[in-house]
């Protein structure tokens, strides 16, 4: 694999994640984002891995930065709310999806 091949790094991360080798998955996603910080897919994937590693605060930061890149990133909105609920920040999470 070419070290700068972003999609290959993202795919490697997905394979490591599927194998529950989360630290290795995180490293692959970090490498992809170091090359292309605005690439949405590895950022969403990295956030899910951070959740799996019980690092919800970092995952929230990850999804917040994903939303700065693309405010229409539905997965980032959903996962950010999920993390907020996980750490008992329910009111903040409910503001993300107001019900009229």
C-alpha atoms as a PDB file:
ATOM      1  CA  UNK A   1       0.000   0.000   0.000  1.00  0.00           C
ATOM      2  CA  UNK A   2       1.253   3.445  -0.847  1.00  0.00           C
ATOM      3  CA  UNK A   3       1.670   5.410   2.373  1.00  0.00           C
ATOM      4  CA  UNK A   4      -0.232   8.422   1.021  1.00  0.00           C
ATOM      5  CA  UNK A   5      -3.176   6.540  -0.462  1.00  0.00           C
ATOM      6  CA  UNK A   6      -6.054   7.999   1.527  1.00  0.00           C
ATOM      7  CA  UNK A   7      -8.791   5.574   0.534  1.00  0.00           C
ATOM      8  CA  UNK A   8      -6.528   2.592   1.183  1.00  0.00           C
ATOM      9  CA  UNK A   9      -5.734   3.923   4.663  1.00  0.00           C
ATOM     10  CA  UNK A  10      -9.433   4.428   5.331  1.00  0.00           C
ATOM     11  CA  UNK A  11     -10.217   0.915   4.078  1.00  0.00           C
ATOM     12  CA  UNK A  12      -7.426  -0.542   6.230  1.00  0.00           C
ATOM     13  CA  UNK A  13      -8.944   1.244   9.208  1.00  0.00           C
ATOM     14  CA  UNK A  14     -12.361  -0.232   8.404  1.00  0.00           C
ATOM     15  CA  UNK A  15     -10.876  -3.738   8.257  1.00  0.00           C
ATOM     16  CA  UNK A  16      -9.066  -3.237  11.570  1.00  0.00           C
ATOM     17  CA  UNK A  17     -12.294  -1.890  13.080  1.00  0.00           C
ATOM     18  CA  UNK A  18     -14.241  -4.930  11.839  1.00  0.00           C
ATOM     19  CA  UNK A  19     -11.610  -7.157  13.442  1.00  0.00           C
ATOM     20  CA  UNK A  20     -12.025  -5.157  16.673  1.00  0.00           C
ATOM     21  CA  UNK A  21      -8.407  -4.032  16.461  1.00  0.00           C
ATOM     22  CA  UNK A  22      -9.419  -0.510  17.409  1.00  0.00           C
ATOM     23  CA  UNK A  23      -5.996   1.028  18.144  1.00  0.00           C
ATOM     24  CA  UNK A  24      -4.802  -0.034  14.691  1.00  0.00           C
ATOM     25  CA  UNK A  25      -7.995   1.252  13.103  1.00  0.00           C
ATOM     26  CA  UNK A  26      -7.531   4.583  14.855  1.00  0.00           C
ATOM     27  CA  UNK A  27      -3.961   4.825  13.566  1.00  0.00           C
ATOM     28  CA  UNK A  28      -5.076   4.209   9.970  1.00  0.00           C
ATOM     29  CA  UNK A  29      -7.809   6.834  10.196  1.00  0.00           C
ATOM     30  CA  UNK A  30      -5.356   9.296  11.754  1.00  0.00           C
ATOM     31  CA  UNK A  31      -2.924   8.690   8.892  1.00  0.00           C
ATOM     32  CA  UNK A  32      -5.655   9.293   6.320  1.00  0.00           C
ATOM     33  CA  UNK A  33      -6.686  12.516   8.043  1.00  0.00           C
ATOM     34  CA  UNK A  34      -3.099  13.723   8.292  1.00  0.00           C
ATOM     35  CA  UNK A  35      -3.006  13.622   4.498  1.00  0.00           C
ATOM     36  CA  UNK A  36      -6.543  14.893   3.839  1.00  0.00           C
ATOM     37  CA  UNK A  37      -8.054  16.553   6.937  1.00  0.00           C
ATOM     38  CA  UNK A  38     -11.287  17.415   5.121  1.00  0.00           C
ATOM     39  CA  UNK A  39     -12.021  13.815   4.051  1.00  0.00           C
ATOM     40  CA  UNK A  40     -15.308  13.047   5.799  1.00  0.00           C
ATOM     41  CA  UNK A  41     -15.316   9.249   5.787  1.00  0.00           C
ATOM     42  CA  UNK A  42     -12.194   8.609   7.914  1.00  0.00           C
ATOM     43  CA  UNK A  43     -13.238  11.382  10.303  1.00  0.00           C
ATOM     44  CA  UNK A  44     -16.617   9.709  10.897  1.00  0.00           C
ATOM     45  CA  UNK A  45     -14.887   6.332  11.210  1.00  0.00           C
ATOM     46  CA  UNK A  46     -12.337   7.692  13.671  1.00  0.00           C
ATOM     47  CA  UNK A  47     -15.140   9.048  15.817  1.00  0.00           C
ATOM     48  CA  UNK A  48     -16.829   5.657  15.963  1.00  0.00           C
ATOM     49  CA  UNK A  49     -13.540   4.042  16.993  1.00  0.00           C
ATOM     50  CA  UNK A  50     -13.061   6.634  19.723  1.00  0.00           C
ATOM     51  CA  UNK A  51     -16.523   5.725  21.012  1.00  0.00           C
ATOM     52  CA  UNK A  52     -15.501   2.057  20.969  1.00  0.00           C
ATOM     53  CA  UNK A  53     -12.401   2.937  22.981  1.00  0.00           C
ATOM     54  CA  UNK A  54     -14.576   4.711  25.600  1.00  0.00           C
ATOM     55  CA  UNK A  55     -13.147   8.076  24.611  1.00  0.00           C
ATOM     56  CA  UNK A  56     -16.459   9.915  24.192  1.00  0.00           C
ATOM     57  CA  UNK A  57     -15.069  13.405  24.859  1.00  0.00           C
ATOM     58  CA  UNK A  58     -12.511  12.971  22.063  1.00  0.00           C
ATOM     59  CA  UNK A  59     -15.215  11.555  19.814  1.00  0.00           C
ATOM     60  CA  UNK A  60     -17.341  14.663  20.440  1.00  0.00           C
ATOM     61  CA  UNK A  61     -14.407  16.873  19.457  1.00  0.00           C
ATOM     62  CA  UNK A  62     -13.864  14.718  16.378  1.00  0.00           C
ATOM     63  CA  UNK A  63     -17.496  15.002  15.247  1.00  0.00           C
ATOM     64  CA  UNK A  64     -17.561  18.727  16.029  1.00  0.00           C
ATOM     65  CA  UNK A  65     -14.578  19.272  13.741  1.00  0.00           C
ATOM     66  CA  UNK A  66     -16.239  17.067  11.095  1.00  0.00           C
ATOM     67  CA  UNK A  67     -19.247  19.366  11.203  1.00  0.00           C
ATOM     68  CA  UNK A  68     -17.032  22.408  10.707  1.00  0.00           C
ATOM     69  CA  UNK A  69     -15.816  20.823   7.476  1.00  0.00           C
ATOM     70  CA  UNK A  70     -19.283  19.701   6.392  1.00  0.00           C
ATOM     71  CA  UNK A  71     -22.295  20.959   8.372  1.00  0.00           C
ATOM     72  CA  UNK A  72     -24.519  18.571   6.374  1.00  0.00           C
ATOM     73  CA  UNK A  73     -22.705  15.453   7.648  1.00  0.00           C
ATOM     74  CA  UNK A  74     -25.681  13.527   9.042  1.00  0.00           C
ATOM     75  CA  UNK A  75     -23.568  10.784  10.609  1.00  0.00           C
ATOM     76  CA  UNK A  76     -21.477  13.347  12.497  1.00  0.00           C
ATOM     77  CA  UNK A  77     -24.637  14.999  13.877  1.00  0.00           C
ATOM     78  CA  UNK A  78     -26.052  11.653  14.961  1.00  0.00           C
ATOM     79  CA  UNK A  79     -22.813  10.327  16.483  1.00  0.00           C
ATOM     80  CA  UNK A  80     -22.131  13.619  18.290  1.00  0.00           C
ATOM     81  CA  UNK A  81     -25.582  13.455  19.901  1.00  0.00           C
ATOM     82  CA  UNK A  82     -25.012   9.794  20.790  1.00  0.00           C
ATOM     83  CA  UNK A  83     -21.750  10.682  22.561  1.00  0.00           C
ATOM     84  CA  UNK A  84     -23.384  13.548  24.436  1.00  0.00           C
ATOM     85  CA  UNK A  85     -26.089  11.192  25.675  1.00  0.00           C
ATOM     86  CA  UNK A  86     -23.453   8.634  26.664  1.00  0.00           C
ATOM     87  CA  UNK A  87     -21.768  11.118  28.985  1.00  0.00           C
ATOM     88  CA  UNK A  88     -25.089  12.406  30.376  1.00  0.00           C
ATOM     89  CA  UNK A  89     -25.140  15.718  28.526  1.00  0.00           C
ATOM     90  CA  UNK A  90     -28.769  15.081  27.582  1.00  0.00           C
ATOM     91  CA  UNK A  91     -29.914  18.691  27.248  1.00  0.00           C
ATOM     92  CA  UNK A  92     -27.076  19.516  24.882  1.00  0.00           C
ATOM     93  CA  UNK A  93     -27.867  16.427  22.817  1.00  0.00           C
ATOM     94  CA  UNK A  94     -31.568  17.296  22.638  1.00  0.00           C
ATOM     95  CA  UNK A  95     -30.726  20.758  21.267  1.00  0.00           C
ATOM     96  CA  UNK A  96     -29.100  19.086  18.265  1.00  0.00           C
ATOM     97  CA  UNK A  97     -32.440  17.587  17.229  1.00  0.00           C
ATOM     98  CA  UNK A  98     -35.196  19.937  18.389  1.00  0.00           C
ATOM     99  CA  UNK A  99     -38.740  18.641  18.200  1.00  0.00           C
ATOM    100  CA  UNK A 100     -41.383  21.208  17.331  1.00  0.00           C
END
